[in-house]
PDB file of N, CA and C in Angstrom:
ATOM      1  N   MET A   1      20.121 -28.714  61.581  1.00  0.00           N
ATOM      2  CA  MET A   1      21.423 -29.990  60.312  1.00  0.00           C
ATOM      3  C   MET A   1      20.058 -30.946  60.655  1.00  0.00           C
ATOM      4  N   CYS A   2      19.960 -31.906  59.373  1.00  0.00           N
ATOM      5  CA  CYS A   2      19.180 -33.232  59.500  1.00  0.00           C
ATOM      6  C   CYS A   2      20.799 -34.249  59.973  1.00  0.00           C
ATOM      7  N   HIS A   3      19.676 -35.742  60.582  1.00  0.00           N
ATOM      8  CA  HIS A   3      20.367 -36.536  61.287  1.00  0.00           C
ATOM      9  C   HIS A   3      19.917 -37.772  60.970  1.00  0.00           C
ATOM     10  N   ILE A   4      20.333 -39.191  60.922  1.00  0.00           N
ATOM     11  CA  ILE A   4      20.086 -39.943  60.583  1.00  0.00           C
ATOM     12  C   ILE A   4      20.357 -40.929  62.102  1.00  0.00           C
ATOM     13  N   THR A   5      19.556 -41.547  62.736  1.00  0.00           N
ATOM     14  CA  THR A   5      19.416 -42.308  64.187  1.00  0.00           C
ATOM     15  C   THR A   5      20.370 -43.621  63.628  1.00  0.00           C
ATOM     16  N   TRP A   6      21.146 -43.760  64.185  1.00  0.00           N
ATOM     17  CA  TRP A   6      21.520 -45.349  63.639  1.00  0.00           C
ATOM     18  C   TRP A   6      21.619 -45.945  64.845  1.00  0.00           C
ATOM     19  N   LYS A   7      21.052 -47.617  65.430  1.00  0.00           N
ATOM     20  CA  LYS A   7      20.585 -48.457  66.455  1.00  0.00           C
ATOM     21  C   LYS A   7      21.900 -49.012  66.135  1.00  0.00           C
ATOM     22  N   THR A   8      22.691 -49.696  67.151  1.00  0.00           N
ATOM     23  CA  THR A   8      23.681 -50.357  67.151  1.00  0.00           C
ATOM     24  C   THR A   8      23.762 -50.881  68.357  1.00  0.00           C
ATOM     25  N   GLU A   9      24.788 -51.861  68.782  1.00  0.00           N
ATOM     26  CA  GLU A   9      24.526 -52.874  70.299  1.00  0.00           C
ATOM     27  C   GLU A   9      26.151 -52.255  70.348  1.00  0.00           C
ATOM     28  N   THR A  10      26.435 -51.803  71.464  1.00  0.00           N
ATOM     29  CA  THR A  10      27.590 -51.776  72.366  1.00  0.00           C
ATOM     30  C   THR A  10      28.712 -53.158  72.414  1.00  0.00           C
ATOM     31  N   ASP A  11      29.509 -52.960  72.788  1.00  0.00           N
ATOM     32  CA  ASP A  11      30.672 -54.560  72.770  1.00  0.00           C
ATOM     33  C   ASP A  11      30.162 -55.528  73.747  1.00  0.00           C
ATOM     34  N   ASN A  12      29.421 -54.461  74.942  1.00  0.00           N
ATOM     35  CA  ASN A  12      28.948 -55.606  75.900  1.00  0.00           C
ATOM     36  C   ASN A  12      27.099 -55.894  75.767  1.00  0.00           C
ATOM     37  N   GLY A  13      26.002 -55.731  74.736  1.00  0.00           N
ATOM     38  CA  GLY A  13      25.181 -55.722  74.155  1.00  0.00           C
ATOM     39  C   GLY A  13      24.716 -55.274  74.484  1.00  0.00           C
ATOM     40  N   VAL A  14      24.691 -53.687  75.255  1.00  0.00           N
ATOM     41  CA  VAL A  14      23.687 -52.947  74.791  1.00  0.00           C
ATOM     42  C   VAL A  14      23.181 -51.778  73.887  1.00  0.00           C
ATOM     43  N   GLU A  15      22.137 -51.631  73.622  1.00  0.00           N
ATOM     44  CA  GLU A  15      21.595 -50.899  72.193  1.00  0.00           C
ATOM     45  C   GLU A  15      22.123 -49.738  72.716  1.00  0.00           C
ATOM     46  N   GLU A  16      22.159 -48.868  71.775  1.00  0.00           N
ATOM     47  CA  GLU A  16      22.494 -47.697  72.077  1.00  0.00           C
ATOM     48  C   GLU A  16      22.086 -46.891  70.628  1.00  0.00           C
ATOM     49  N   SER A  17      21.207 -45.595  70.725  1.00  0.00           N
ATOM     50  CA  SER A  17      21.099 -44.786  69.696  1.00  0.00           C
ATOM     51  C   SER A  17      21.850 -43.251  69.166  1.00  0.00           C
ATOM     52  N   ILE A  18      22.641 -43.746  67.856  1.00  0.00           N
ATOM     53  CA  ILE A  18      24.063 -42.488  67.544  1.00  0.00           C
ATOM     54  C   ILE A  18      22.898 -41.505  66.210  1.00  0.00           C
ATOM     55  N   HIS A  19      23.093 -40.686  67.107  1.00  0.00           N
ATOM     56  CA  HIS A  19      22.411 -39.858  65.382  1.00  0.00           C
ATOM     57  C   HIS A  19      23.608 -39.427  64.782  1.00  0.00           C
ATOM     58  N   LEU A  20      23.777 -39.232  63.648  1.00  0.00           N
ATOM     59  CA  LEU A  20      24.913 -39.228  62.395  1.00  0.00           C
ATOM     60  C   LEU A  20      24.274 -38.426  61.757  1.00  0.00           C
ATOM     61  N   PRO A  21      25.061 -37.115  61.214  1.00  0.00           N
ATOM     62  CA  PRO A  21      25.029 -36.388  60.619  1.00  0.00           C
ATOM     63  C   PRO A  21      25.346 -36.674  59.368  1.00  0.00           C
ATOM     64  N   ALA A  22      23.665 -36.076  58.578  1.00  0.00           N
ATOM     65  CA  ALA A  22      23.102 -36.829  57.359  1.00  0.00           C
ATOM     66  C   ALA A  22      23.041 -35.399  56.212  1.00  0.00           C
ATOM     67  N   VAL A  23      22.951 -35.563  54.987  1.00  0.00           N
ATOM     68  CA  VAL A  23      23.217 -34.891  53.770  1.00  0.00           C
ATOM     69  C   VAL A  23      22.372 -35.798  53.111  1.00  0.00           C
ATOM     70  N   TRP A  24      21.165 -34.226  52.167  1.00  0.00           N
ATOM     71  CA  TRP A  24      19.915 -34.747  51.331  1.00  0.00           C
ATOM     72  C   TRP A  24      20.983 -34.778  49.953  1.00  0.00           C
ATOM     73  N   ARG A  25      20.971 -36.348  49.132  1.00  0.00           N
ATOM     74  CA  ARG A  25      21.344 -36.665  48.188  1.00  0.00           C
ATOM     75  C   ARG A  25      20.233 -36.429  47.280  1.00  0.00           C
ATOM     76  N   ILE A  26      20.740 -36.113  45.588  1.00  0.00           N
ATOM     77  CA  ILE A  26      19.483 -36.839  44.216  1.00  0.00           C
ATOM     78  C   ILE A  26      19.222 -38.583  44.355  1.00  0.00           C
ATOM     79  N   CYS A  27      18.326 -38.539  44.652  1.00  0.00           N
ATOM     80  CA  CYS A  27      18.856 -40.440  44.362  1.00  0.00           C
ATOM     81  C   CYS A  27      19.248 -41.065  42.841  1.00  0.00           C
ATOM     82  N   GLU A  28      19.465 -41.897  42.744  1.00  0.00           N
ATOM     83  CA  GLU A  28      20.153 -42.697  42.062  1.00  0.00           C
ATOM     84  C   GLU A  28      19.408 -43.648  41.516  1.00  0.00           C
ATOM     85  N   PRO A  29      18.331 -43.894  41.967  1.00  0.00           N
ATOM     86  CA  PRO A  29      18.058 -45.103  40.879  1.00  0.00           C
ATOM     87  C   PRO A  29      16.948 -44.602  40.011  1.00  0.00           C
ATOM     88  N   CYS A  30      15.937 -42.779  40.706  1.00  0.00           N
ATOM     89  CA  CYS A  30      15.547 -42.363  39.240  1.00  0.00           C
ATOM     90  C   CYS A  30      16.130 -41.008  39.580  1.00  0.00           C
ATOM     91  N   ARG A  31      17.380 -40.828  39.816  1.00  0.00           N
ATOM     92  CA  ARG A  31      17.777 -39.973  39.010  1.00  0.00           C
ATOM     93  C   ARG A  31      17.618 -38.653  39.310  1.00  0.00           C
ATOM     94  N   GLY A  32      16.476 -38.480  40.496  1.00  0.00           N
ATOM     95  CA  GLY A  32      16.356 -37.219  41.215  1.00  0.00           C
ATOM     96  C   GLY A  32      14.342 -37.204  40.546  1.00  0.00           C
ATOM     97  N   HIS A  33      13.630 -38.056  39.899  1.00  0.00           N
ATOM     98  CA  HIS A  33      12.816 -37.282  39.060  1.00  0.00           C
ATOM     99  C   HIS A  33      11.484 -38.536  39.653  1.00  0.00           C
ATOM    100  N   GLY A  34      12.211 -39.240  40.991  1.00  0.00           N
ATOM    101  CA  GLY A  34      10.869 -40.045  41.746  1.00  0.00           C
ATOM    102  C   GLY A  34      10.205 -41.112  41.009  1.00  0.00           C
ATOM    103  N   LYS A  35      10.464 -41.224  39.993  1.00  0.00           N
ATOM    104  CA  LYS A  35       9.964 -42.218  39.019  1.00  0.00           C
ATOM    105  C   LYS A  35      10.654 -42.717  38.327  1.00  0.00           C
ATOM    106  N   HIS A  36      10.469 -44.782  38.341  1.00  0.00           N
ATOM    107  CA  HIS A  36      11.605 -44.927  37.006  1.00  0.00           C
ATOM    108  C   HIS A  36      10.119 -46.071  36.478  1.00  0.00           C
ATOM    109  N   SER A  37      10.717 -47.227  34.842  1.00  0.00           N
ATOM    110  CA  SER A  37      10.240 -47.889  34.343  1.00  0.00           C
ATOM    111  C   SER A  37      11.345 -49.080  34.407  1.00  0.00           C
ATOM    112  N   HIS A  38      12.159 -49.089  35.401  1.00  0.00           N
ATOM    113  CA  HIS A  38      12.942 -50.183  35.809  1.00  0.00           C
ATOM    114  C   HIS A  38      12.292 -51.321  36.104  1.00  0.00           C
ATOM    115  N   ALA A  39      11.517 -51.053  36.312  1.00  0.00           N
ATOM    116  CA  ALA A  39      10.419 -52.423  36.782  1.00  0.00           C
ATOM    117  C   ALA A  39      10.022 -52.856  35.466  1.00  0.00           C
ATOM    118  N   ILE A  40       9.784 -52.471  34.328  1.00  0.00           N
ATOM    119  CA  ILE A  40       9.802 -53.228  33.377  1.00  0.00           C
ATOM    120  C   ILE A  40      11.337 -54.249  32.784  1.00  0.00           C
ATOM    121  N   GLY A  41      12.442 -53.722  33.601  1.00  0.00           N
ATOM    122  CA  GLY A  41      13.505 -53.601  32.963  1.00  0.00           C
ATOM    123  C   GLY A  41      14.286 -52.964  31.587  1.00  0.00           C
ATOM    124  N   ALA A  42      15.394 -53.954  30.955  1.00  0.00           N
ATOM    125  CA  ALA A  42      15.617 -52.785  29.336  1.00  0.00           C
ATOM    126  C   ALA A  42      14.854 -53.134  28.678  1.00  0.00           C
ATOM    127  N   VAL A  43      14.540 -52.623  27.807  1.00  0.00           N
ATOM    128  CA  VAL A  43      13.383 -52.822  26.361  1.00  0.00           C
ATOM    129  C   VAL A  43      14.648 -52.827  25.083  1.00  0.00           C
ATOM    130  N   THR A  44      14.577 -54.251  24.881  1.00  0.00           N
ATOM    131  CA  THR A  44      15.953 -54.451  23.413  1.00  0.00           C
ATOM    132  C   THR A  44      15.219 -53.749  22.300  1.00  0.00           C
ATOM    133  N   SER A  45      15.920 -53.539  21.576  1.00  0.00           N
ATOM    134  CA  SER A  45      15.415 -53.081  19.927  1.00  0.00           C
ATOM    135  C   SER A  45      14.896 -54.340  19.431  1.00  0.00           C
ATOM    136  N   SER A  46      14.409 -55.333  19.617  1.00  0.00           N
ATOM    137  CA  SER A  46      13.470 -56.465  18.650  1.00  0.00           C
ATOM    138  C   SER A  46      12.425 -56.035  19.573  1.00  0.00           C
ATOM    139  N   GLU A  47      12.344 -55.508  20.806  1.00  0.00           N
ATOM    140  CA  GLU A  47      11.344 -55.893  21.328  1.00  0.00           C
ATOM    141  C   GLU A  47      10.570 -53.851  20.982  1.00  0.00           C
ATOM    142  N   TRP A  48      11.089 -53.300  20.912  1.00  0.00           N
ATOM    143  CA  TRP A  48      10.645 -52.000  21.446  1.00  0.00           C
ATOM    144  C   TRP A  48      10.664 -52.026  19.480  1.00  0.00           C
ATOM    145  N   ALA A  49      10.962 -52.696  18.345  1.00  0.00           N
ATOM    146  CA  ALA A  49       9.959 -52.922  17.012  1.00  0.00           C
ATOM    147  C   ALA A  49       9.177 -53.483  17.041  1.00  0.00           C
ATOM    148  N   ASN A  50       8.888 -54.209  17.835  1.00  0.00           N
ATOM    149  CA  ASN A  50       7.274 -54.899  18.345  1.00  0.00           C
ATOM    150  C   ASN A  50       6.698 -54.528  18.759  1.00  0.00           C
ATOM    151  N   TRP A  51       6.816 -52.909  19.231  1.00  0.00           N
ATOM    152  CA  TRP A  51       5.513 -52.154  19.908  1.00  0.00           C
ATOM    153  C   TRP A  51       5.418 -50.948  18.963  1.00  0.00           C
ATOM    154  N   ASP A  52       3.911 -51.124  18.992  1.00  0.00           N
ATOM    155  CA  ASP A  52       3.172 -50.334  18.129  1.00  0.00           C
ATOM    156  C   ASP A  52       3.661 -48.973  18.614  1.00  0.00           C
ATOM    157  N   PRO A  53       3.107 -47.909  17.632  1.00  0.00           N
ATOM    158  CA  PRO A  53       4.024 -46.808  18.334  1.00  0.00           C
ATOM    159  C   PRO A  53       3.112 -45.681  19.219  1.00  0.00           C
ATOM    160  N   ASP A  54       2.156 -46.345  19.820  1.00  0.00           N
ATOM    161  CA  ASP A  54       1.468 -45.830  20.997  1.00  0.00           C
ATOM    162  C   ASP A  54       1.900 -45.960  21.640  1.00  0.00           C
ATOM    163  N   GLU A  55       2.141 -47.600  22.357  1.00  0.00           N
ATOM    164  CA  GLU A  55       3.001 -48.082  23.159  1.00  0.00           C
ATOM    165  C   GLU A  55       4.448 -47.508  23.539  1.00  0.00           C
ATOM    166  N   ARG A  56       5.100 -47.323  22.392  1.00  0.00           N
ATOM    167  CA  ARG A  56       6.540 -46.569  22.412  1.00  0.00           C
ATOM    168  C   ARG A  56       6.099 -44.901  23.040  1.00  0.00           C
ATOM    169  N   CYS A  57       5.255 -44.164  22.413  1.00  0.00           N
ATOM    170  CA  CYS A  57       5.067 -43.463  23.148  1.00  0.00           C
ATOM    171  C   CYS A  57       4.599 -42.948  24.258  1.00  0.00           C
ATOM    172  N   ASP A  58       3.509 -44.470  24.622  1.00  0.00           N
ATOM    173  CA  ASP A  58       3.298 -43.774  26.419  1.00  0.00           C
ATOM    174  C   ASP A  58       4.911 -44.797  26.910  1.00  0.00           C
ATOM    175  N   TYR A  59       6.037 -45.201  26.513  1.00  0.00           N
ATOM    176  CA  TYR A  59       7.711 -45.292  27.378  1.00  0.00           C
ATOM    177  C   TYR A  59       8.211 -44.376  27.301  1.00  0.00           C
ATOM    178  N   LEU A  60       7.901 -43.827  26.459  1.00  0.00           N
ATOM    179  CA  LEU A  60       9.138 -42.156  26.447  1.00  0.00           C
ATOM    180  C   LEU A  60       8.195 -41.189  26.851  1.00  0.00           C
ATOM    181  N   ARG A  61       7.279 -40.937  26.877  1.00  0.00           N
ATOM    182  CA  ARG A  61       6.452 -40.148  27.665  1.00  0.00           C
ATOM    183  C   ARG A  61       6.150 -40.862  29.475  1.00  0.00           C
ATOM    184  N   GLY A  62       6.844 -41.535  29.591  1.00  0.00           N
ATOM    185  CA  GLY A  62       6.933 -41.977  31.229  1.00  0.00           C
ATOM    186  C   GLY A  62       5.626 -42.930  31.743  1.00  0.00           C
ATOM    187  N   GLY A  63       4.832 -43.393  30.812  1.00  0.00           N
ATOM    188  CA  GLY A  63       3.971 -44.416  30.783  1.00  0.00           C
ATOM    189  C   GLY A  63       3.998 -45.515  31.842  1.00  0.00           C
ATOM    190  N   TYR A  64       5.307 -46.004  31.668  1.00  0.00           N
ATOM    191  CA  TYR A  64       4.942 -47.567  31.987  1.00  0.00           C
ATOM    192  C   TYR A  64       5.942 -47.218  33.731  1.00  0.00           C
ATOM    193  N   ASP A  65       6.654 -46.031  33.554  1.00  0.00           N
ATOM    194  CA  ASP A  65       7.491 -45.356  35.242  1.00  0.00           C
ATOM    195  C   ASP A  65       6.274 -45.965  36.107  1.00  0.00           C
ATOM    196  N   ARG A  66       7.173 -46.340  37.098  1.00  0.00           N
ATOM    197  CA  ARG A  66       6.033 -46.439  38.862  1.00  0.00           C
ATOM    198  C   ARG A  66       7.134 -45.666  40.077  1.00  0.00           C
ATOM    199  N   THR A  67       6.358 -45.269  40.785  1.00  0.00           N
ATOM    200  CA  THR A  67       7.594 -44.630  41.471  1.00  0.00           C
ATOM    201  C   THR A  67       8.275 -45.359  41.943  1.00  0.00           C
ATOM    202  N   CYS A  68       9.923 -44.858  42.478  1.00  0.00           N
ATOM    203  CA  CYS A  68      10.571 -45.055  42.720  1.00  0.00           C
ATOM    204  C   CYS A  68      10.470 -45.279  44.388  1.00  0.00           C
ATOM    205  N   GLU A  69      11.220 -46.488  44.912  1.00  0.00           N
ATOM    206  CA  GLU A  69      11.070 -47.320  46.401  1.00  0.00           C
ATOM    207  C   GLU A  69      11.573 -46.108  47.180  1.00  0.00           C
ATOM    208  N   ALA A  70      13.553 -46.354  46.702  1.00  0.00           N
ATOM    209  CA  ALA A  70      14.839 -45.732  47.419  1.00  0.00           C
ATOM    210  C   ALA A  70      13.737 -44.570  47.914  1.00  0.00           C
ATOM    211  N   CYS A  71      13.451 -43.230  46.748  1.00  0.00           N
ATOM    212  CA  CYS A  71      12.991 -42.737  47.235  1.00  0.00           C
ATOM    213  C   CYS A  71      11.407 -42.434  47.556  1.00  0.00           C
ATOM    214  N   ARG A  72      10.711 -42.617  47.818  1.00  0.00           N
ATOM    215  CA  ARG A  72       9.023 -42.722  47.391  1.00  0.00           C
ATOM    216  C   ARG A  72       8.663 -41.746  47.331  1.00  0.00           C
ATOM    217  N   GLY A  73       9.241 -41.261  45.579  1.00  0.00           N
ATOM    218  CA  GLY A  73       8.630 -40.537  44.953  1.00  0.00           C
ATOM    219  C   GLY A  73       9.307 -38.657  44.534  1.00  0.00           C
ATOM    220  N   THR A  74      10.001 -38.671  45.713  1.00  0.00           N
ATOM    221  CA  THR A  74      10.556 -37.424  46.334  1.00  0.00           C
ATOM    222  C   THR A  74      11.423 -36.525  44.955  1.00  0.00           C
ATOM    223  N   GLY A  75      12.247 -38.133  44.994  1.00  0.00           N
ATOM    224  CA  GLY A  75      13.979 -37.639  44.350  1.00  0.00           C
ATOM    225  C   GLY A  75      14.912 -37.569  44.859  1.00  0.00           C
ATOM    226  N   LYS A  76      14.896 -37.529  46.236  1.00  0.00           N
ATOM    227  CA  LYS A  76      15.866 -37.191  46.780  1.00  0.00           C
ATOM    228  C   LYS A  76      16.415 -38.251  47.911  1.00  0.00           C
ATOM    229  N   VAL A  77      17.428 -38.867  48.608  1.00  0.00           N
ATOM    230  CA  VAL A  77      17.509 -39.417  50.226  1.00  0.00           C
ATOM    231  C   VAL A  77      18.169 -39.032  51.281  1.00  0.00           C
ATOM    232  N   LEU A  78      18.103 -39.076  51.907  1.00  0.00           N
ATOM    233  CA  LEU A  78      18.906 -38.863  53.453  1.00  0.00           C
ATOM    234  C   LEU A  78      19.907 -39.676  53.951  1.00  0.00           C
ATOM    235  N   GLU A  79      20.616 -39.315  53.613  1.00  0.00           N
ATOM    236  CA  GLU A  79      21.956 -40.221  53.987  1.00  0.00           C
ATOM    237  C   GLU A  79      23.665 -39.654  54.231  1.00  0.00           C
ATOM    238  N   VAL A  80      23.563 -40.255  55.357  1.00  0.00           N
ATOM    239  CA  VAL A  80      24.893 -40.221  56.336  1.00  0.00           C
ATOM    240  C   VAL A  80      26.150 -39.659  55.397  1.00  0.00           C
ATOM    241  N   ASP A  81      26.279 -38.489  55.947  1.00  0.00           N
ATOM    242  CA  ASP A  81      27.084 -37.546  56.177  1.00  0.00           C
ATOM    243  C   ASP A  81      29.139 -38.322  56.468  1.00  0.00           C
ATOM    244  N   LEU A  82      28.990 -39.116  55.565  1.00  0.00           N
ATOM    245  CA  LEU A  82      30.817 -39.691  56.274  1.00  0.00           C
ATOM    246  C   LEU A  82      31.913 -38.138  56.149  1.00  0.00           C
ATOM    247  N   VAL A  83      31.582 -37.188  56.061  1.00  0.00           N
ATOM    248  CA  VAL A  83      33.231 -36.616  55.905  1.00  0.00           C
ATOM    249  C   VAL A  83      32.412 -35.349  57.270  1.00  0.00           C
ATOM    250  N   ALA A  84      31.700 -35.480  57.659  1.00  0.00           N
ATOM    251  CA  ALA A  84      31.055 -35.039  59.302  1.00  0.00           C
ATOM    252  C   ALA A  84      31.088 -35.588  60.692  1.00  0.00           C
ATOM    253  N   VAL A  85      31.481 -37.239  60.164  1.00  0.00           N
ATOM    254  CA  VAL A  85      31.431 -38.267  61.525  1.00  0.00           C
ATOM    255  C   VAL A  85      32.854 -37.750  62.031  1.00  0.00           C
ATOM    256  N   PRO A  86      32.960 -38.183  62.993  1.00  0.00           N
ATOM    257  CA  PRO A  86      34.249 -38.451  63.595  1.00  0.00           C
ATOM    258  C   PRO A  86      34.895 -39.475  62.987  1.00  0.00           C
ATOM    259  N   ASP A  87      35.729 -39.525  62.714  1.00  0.00           N
ATOM    260  CA  ASP A  87      36.736 -40.528  62.566  1.00  0.00           C
ATOM    261  C   ASP A  87      36.670 -42.311  63.287  1.00  0.00           C
ATOM    262  N   PRO A  88      36.740 -42.459  64.903  1.00  0.00           N
ATOM    263  CA  PRO A  88      36.508 -43.210  65.100  1.00  0.00           C
ATOM    264  C   PRO A  88      35.240 -44.011  65.326  1.00  0.00           C
ATOM    265  N   LEU A  89      33.628 -43.457  65.172  1.00  0.00           N
ATOM    266  CA  LEU A  89      32.701 -43.543  64.618  1.00  0.00           C
ATOM    267  C   LEU A  89      32.690 -43.835  63.194  1.00  0.00           C
ATOM    268  N   ARG A  90      33.179 -43.274  62.421  1.00  0.00           N
ATOM    269  CA  ARG A  90      33.200 -43.392  60.572  1.00  0.00           C
ATOM    270  C   ARG A  90      33.642 -44.485  60.649  1.00  0.00           C
ATOM    271  N   THR A  91      34.830 -45.026  61.177  1.00  0.00           N
ATOM    272  CA  THR A  91      35.208 -46.470  61.179  1.00  0.00           C
ATOM    273  C   THR A  91      34.468 -48.041  61.379  1.00  0.00           C
ATOM    274  N   ARG A  92      33.544 -47.569  62.533  1.00  0.00           N
ATOM    275  CA  ARG A  92      32.491 -48.531  63.195  1.00  0.00           C
ATOM    276  C   ARG A  92      31.814 -48.596  62.502  1.00  0.00           C
ATOM    277  N   TYR A  93      31.154 -47.297  62.245  1.00  0.00           N
ATOM    278  CA  TYR A  93      29.953 -47.145  60.951  1.00  0.00           C
ATOM    279  C   TYR A  93      30.154 -48.192  59.642  1.00  0.00           C
ATOM    280  N   LEU A  94      31.070 -47.625  58.985  1.00  0.00           N
ATOM    281  CA  LEU A  94      31.961 -48.328  57.707  1.00  0.00           C
ATOM    282  C   LEU A  94      32.195 -49.936  57.923  1.00  0.00           C
ATOM    283  N   THR A  95      32.378 -50.441  58.837  1.00  0.00           N
ATOM    284  CA  THR A  95      32.476 -51.709  59.362  1.00  0.00           C
ATOM    285  C   THR A  95      31.269 -52.250  59.732  1.00  0.00           C
ATOM    286  N   HIS A  96      30.243 -51.603  59.948  1.00  0.00           N
ATOM    287  CA  HIS A  96      28.570 -52.017  60.216  1.00  0.00           C
ATOM    288  C   HIS A  96      27.710 -52.058  58.712  1.00  0.00           C
ATOM    289  N   LEU A  97      28.377 -50.882  57.588  1.00  0.00           N
ATOM    290  CA  LEU A  97      27.792 -50.870  56.440  1.00  0.00           C
ATOM    291  C   LEU A  97      28.425 -52.170  55.898  1.00  0.00           C
ATOM    292  N   ALA A  98      29.791 -52.955  56.287  1.00  0.00           N
ATOM    293  CA  ALA A  98      30.563 -54.120  55.451  1.00  0.00           C
ATOM    294  C   ALA A  98      29.550 -55.362  55.991  1.00  0.00           C
ATOM    295  N   ASP A  99      29.864 -54.956  57.072  1.00  0.00           N
ATOM    296  CA  ASP A  99      28.709 -56.332  57.729  1.00  0.00           C
ATOM    297  C   ASP A  99      27.757 -56.533  57.344  1.00  0.00           C
ATOM    298  N   GLU A 100      26.739 -56.022  56.882  1.00  0.00           N
ATOM    299  CA  GLU A 100      25.278 -55.731  57.021  1.00  0.00           C
ATOM    300  C   GLU A 100      25.560 -56.254  55.170  1.00  0.00           C
ATOM    301  N   ARG A 101      26.325 -55.757  54.022  1.00  0.00           N
ATOM    302  CA  ARG A 101      26.374 -56.275  52.569  1.00  0.00           C
ATOM    303  C   ARG A 101      27.015 -57.354  52.415  1.00  0.00           C
ATOM    304  N   ARG A 102      27.797 -58.215  53.787  1.00  0.00           N
ATOM    305  CA  ARG A 102      28.316 -59.210  53.610  1.00  0.00           C
ATOM    306  C   ARG A 102      27.471 -60.313  54.049  1.00  0.00           C
ATOM    307  N   HIS A 103      26.123 -59.854  54.690  1.00  0.00           N
ATOM    308  CA  HIS A 103      25.430 -60.407  55.383  1.00  0.00           C
ATOM    309  C   HIS A 103      24.611 -60.771  54.116  1.00  0.00           C
ATOM    310  N   VAL A 104      24.322 -59.978  53.647  1.00  0.00           N
ATOM    311  CA  VAL A 104      23.168 -59.505  52.540  1.00  0.00           C
ATOM    312  C   VAL A 104      23.384 -60.889  51.152  1.00  0.00           C
ATOM    313  N   ARG A 105      24.683 -60.723  51.149  1.00  0.00           N
ATOM    314  CA  ARG A 105      25.326 -61.679  49.706  1.00  0.00           C
ATOM    315  C   ARG A 105      24.882 -63.338  49.897  1.00  0.00           C
ATOM    316  N   GLU A 106      25.437 -63.356  51.419  1.00  0.00           N
ATOM    317  CA  GLU A 106      25.508 -65.043  52.135  1.00  0.00           C
ATOM    318  C   GLU A 106      23.580 -65.001  52.042  1.00  0.00           C
ATOM    319  N   CYS A 107      23.084 -64.260  52.040  1.00  0.00           N
ATOM    320  CA  CYS A 107      21.717 -64.559  51.951  1.00  0.00           C
ATOM    321  C   CYS A 107      21.291 -64.745  50.483  1.00  0.00           C
ATOM    322  N   GLU A 108      21.492 -64.386  50.191  1.00  0.00           N
ATOM    323  CA  GLU A 108      21.115 -63.911  48.553  1.00  0.00           C
ATOM    324  C   GLU A 108      22.196 -65.633  47.854  1.00  0.00           C
ATOM    325  N   SER A 109      23.488 -65.899  48.462  1.00  0.00           N
ATOM    326  CA  SER A 109      23.753 -67.042  47.588  1.00  0.00           C
ATOM    327  C   SER A 109      22.664 -67.991  48.722  1.00  0.00           C
ATOM    328  N   GLU A 110      23.255 -68.087  49.510  1.00  0.00           N
ATOM    329  CA  GLU A 110      22.030 -69.032  49.823  1.00  0.00           C
ATOM    330  C   GLU A 110      20.234 -69.987  49.475  1.00  0.00           C
ATOM    331  N   ARG A 111      19.708 -68.753  49.277  1.00  0.00           N
ATOM    332  CA  ARG A 111      18.958 -68.113  47.987  1.00  0.00           C
ATOM    333  C   ARG A 111      18.560 -69.405  46.913  1.00  0.00           C
ATOM    334  N   ARG A 112      19.768 -68.856  46.355  1.00  0.00           N
ATOM    335  CA  ARG A 112      20.247 -69.590  44.778  1.00  0.00           C
ATOM    336  C   ARG A 112      20.981 -70.580  45.067  1.00  0.00           C
ATOM    337  N   MET A 113      21.329 -71.262  46.093  1.00  0.00           N
ATOM    338  CA  MET A 113      21.644 -72.314  46.323  1.00  0.00           C
ATOM    339  C   MET A 113      20.566 -73.571  46.714  1.00  0.00           C
ATOM    340  N   GLU A 114      19.642 -72.864  47.063  1.00  0.00           N
ATOM    341  CA  GLU A 114      18.222 -73.434  47.688  1.00  0.00           C
ATOM    342  C   GLU A 114      17.477 -73.864  46.543  1.00  0.00           C
ATOM    343  N   ARG A 115      16.823 -72.509  45.196  1.00  0.00           N
ATOM    344  CA  ARG A 115      16.796 -72.451  44.206  1.00  0.00           C
ATOM    345  C   ARG A 115      17.396 -73.792  43.687  1.00  0.00           C
ATOM    346  N   MET A 116      18.354 -73.611  43.455  1.00  0.00           N
ATOM    347  CA  MET A 116      19.177 -74.618  42.424  1.00  0.00           C
ATOM    348  C   MET A 116      18.508 -76.264  43.040  1.00  0.00           C
ATOM    349  N   MET A 117      19.044 -76.409  44.083  1.00  0.00           N
ATOM    350  CA  MET A 117      18.690 -77.314  44.409  1.00  0.00           C
ATOM    351  C   MET A 117      16.691 -78.269  44.328  1.00  0.00           C
ATOM    352  N   GLY A 118      15.539 -76.915  44.078  1.00  0.00           N
ATOM    353  CA  GLY A 118      14.530 -77.058  43.998  1.00  0.00           C
ATOM    354  C   GLY A 118      13.766 -76.776  44.918  1.00  0.00           C
ATOM    355  N   CYS A 119      14.161 -75.820  45.740  1.00  0.00           N
ATOM    356  CA  CYS A 119      13.179 -75.576  46.745  1.00  0.00           C
ATOM    357  C   CYS A 119      12.070 -74.432  46.782  1.00  0.00           C
TER     358      CYS A 119
END
């Protein structure tokens, strides 16, 4: 059985490593292909019209694709199997994830504000 090691702190500040059950899933960004062209962004119809036939062929053939960062080209990712995690630990882990997401949003907001102020 696969597992992911989650490093966290107890209430009294002691670091602990918890092995959470994990499962392999198809990588969402690349849909299991290991690469994608997300780096160039969306191609509008007007841009497509300006491309010559060779550029269009390259695009459709995957010539603009880059290795997926999420799965490092494997097409799959190891994720915590929340169904298999016991209830008290699942709640604690989900709270941790929510806190992490909130922190990321706060940092992004701060960076946006700094850019608006010319930093």
